[in-house]
């Protein structure tokens, strides 16, 4: 298992945790109930980063 796959797996776990937790971090914390658009946009950003880790070759 490469380091990028490990990082991608950890980031995917983080995304799942954020789904259950209802808050996500970028430069500050976004809560799903208070700022849904910012929450989902940031969550999708982290998901894209996590998935992209599986396509990098080191």
Protein backbone atom coordinates (compact mmCIF):
# COMPACT_ATOMS: atom_id res chain seq x y z
CA UNK A 1 0.00 0.00 0.00
CA UNK A 2 1.49 3.33 -1.03
CA UNK A 3 1.60 6.41 1.15
CA UNK A 4 -0.93 8.17 -1.09
CA UNK A 5 -3.40 5.29 -0.68
CA UNK A 6 -2.96 5.47 3.09
CA UNK A 7 -3.54 9.24 3.07
CA UNK A 8 -6.58 8.77 0.82
CA UNK A 9 -8.02 6.15 3.14
CA UNK A 10 -7.51 8.38 6.17
CA UNK A 11 -9.13 11.31 4.38
CA UNK A 12 -12.10 9.14 3.40
CA UNK A 13 -12.50 8.13 7.04
CA UNK A 14 -12.37 11.82 7.95
CA UNK A 15 -15.14 12.58 5.42
CA UNK A 16 -17.30 9.80 6.88
CA UNK A 17 -16.65 11.15 10.39
CA UNK A 18 -17.66 14.65 9.25
CA UNK A 19 -20.89 13.27 7.78
CA UNK A 20 -21.85 11.78 11.13
CA UNK A 21 -20.51 14.70 13.15
CA UNK A 22 -22.28 17.42 11.17
CA UNK A 23 -19.32 19.76 10.97
CA UNK A 24 -16.33 20.08 8.67
CA UNK A 25 -13.10 22.09 8.77
CA UNK A 26 -11.39 24.15 6.10
CA UNK A 27 -10.03 27.44 7.44
CA UNK A 28 -12.72 27.35 10.14
CA UNK A 29 -15.49 24.99 11.22
CA UNK A 30 -18.68 24.82 9.16
CA UNK A 31 -21.82 23.29 10.71
CA UNK A 32 -24.36 21.52 8.53
CA UNK A 33 -27.37 22.99 10.36
CA UNK A 34 -26.15 26.60 10.26
CA UNK A 35 -24.31 26.82 6.90
CA UNK A 36 -25.44 23.94 4.70
CA UNK A 37 -23.99 25.23 1.41
CA UNK A 38 -20.55 25.87 2.92
CA UNK A 39 -20.69 22.54 4.75
CA UNK A 40 -21.50 20.46 1.65
CA UNK A 41 -19.07 22.38 -0.56
CA UNK A 42 -16.24 21.83 1.89
CA UNK A 43 -17.18 18.18 2.39
CA UNK A 44 -17.15 17.62 -1.37
CA UNK A 45 -13.77 19.34 -1.57
CA UNK A 46 -12.32 16.95 1.05
CA UNK A 47 -13.93 14.01 -0.76
CA UNK A 48 -12.33 15.08 -4.06
CA UNK A 49 -8.93 15.38 -2.38
CA UNK A 50 -9.35 11.94 -0.78
CA UNK A 51 -10.34 10.27 -4.05
CA UNK A 52 -7.53 11.98 -5.95
CA UNK A 53 -5.01 10.37 -3.60
CA UNK A 54 -5.77 6.99 -5.18
CA UNK A 55 -4.77 8.25 -8.64
CA UNK A 56 -1.37 9.72 -7.70
CA UNK A 57 1.73 7.70 -8.48
CA UNK A 58 4.71 8.16 -6.20
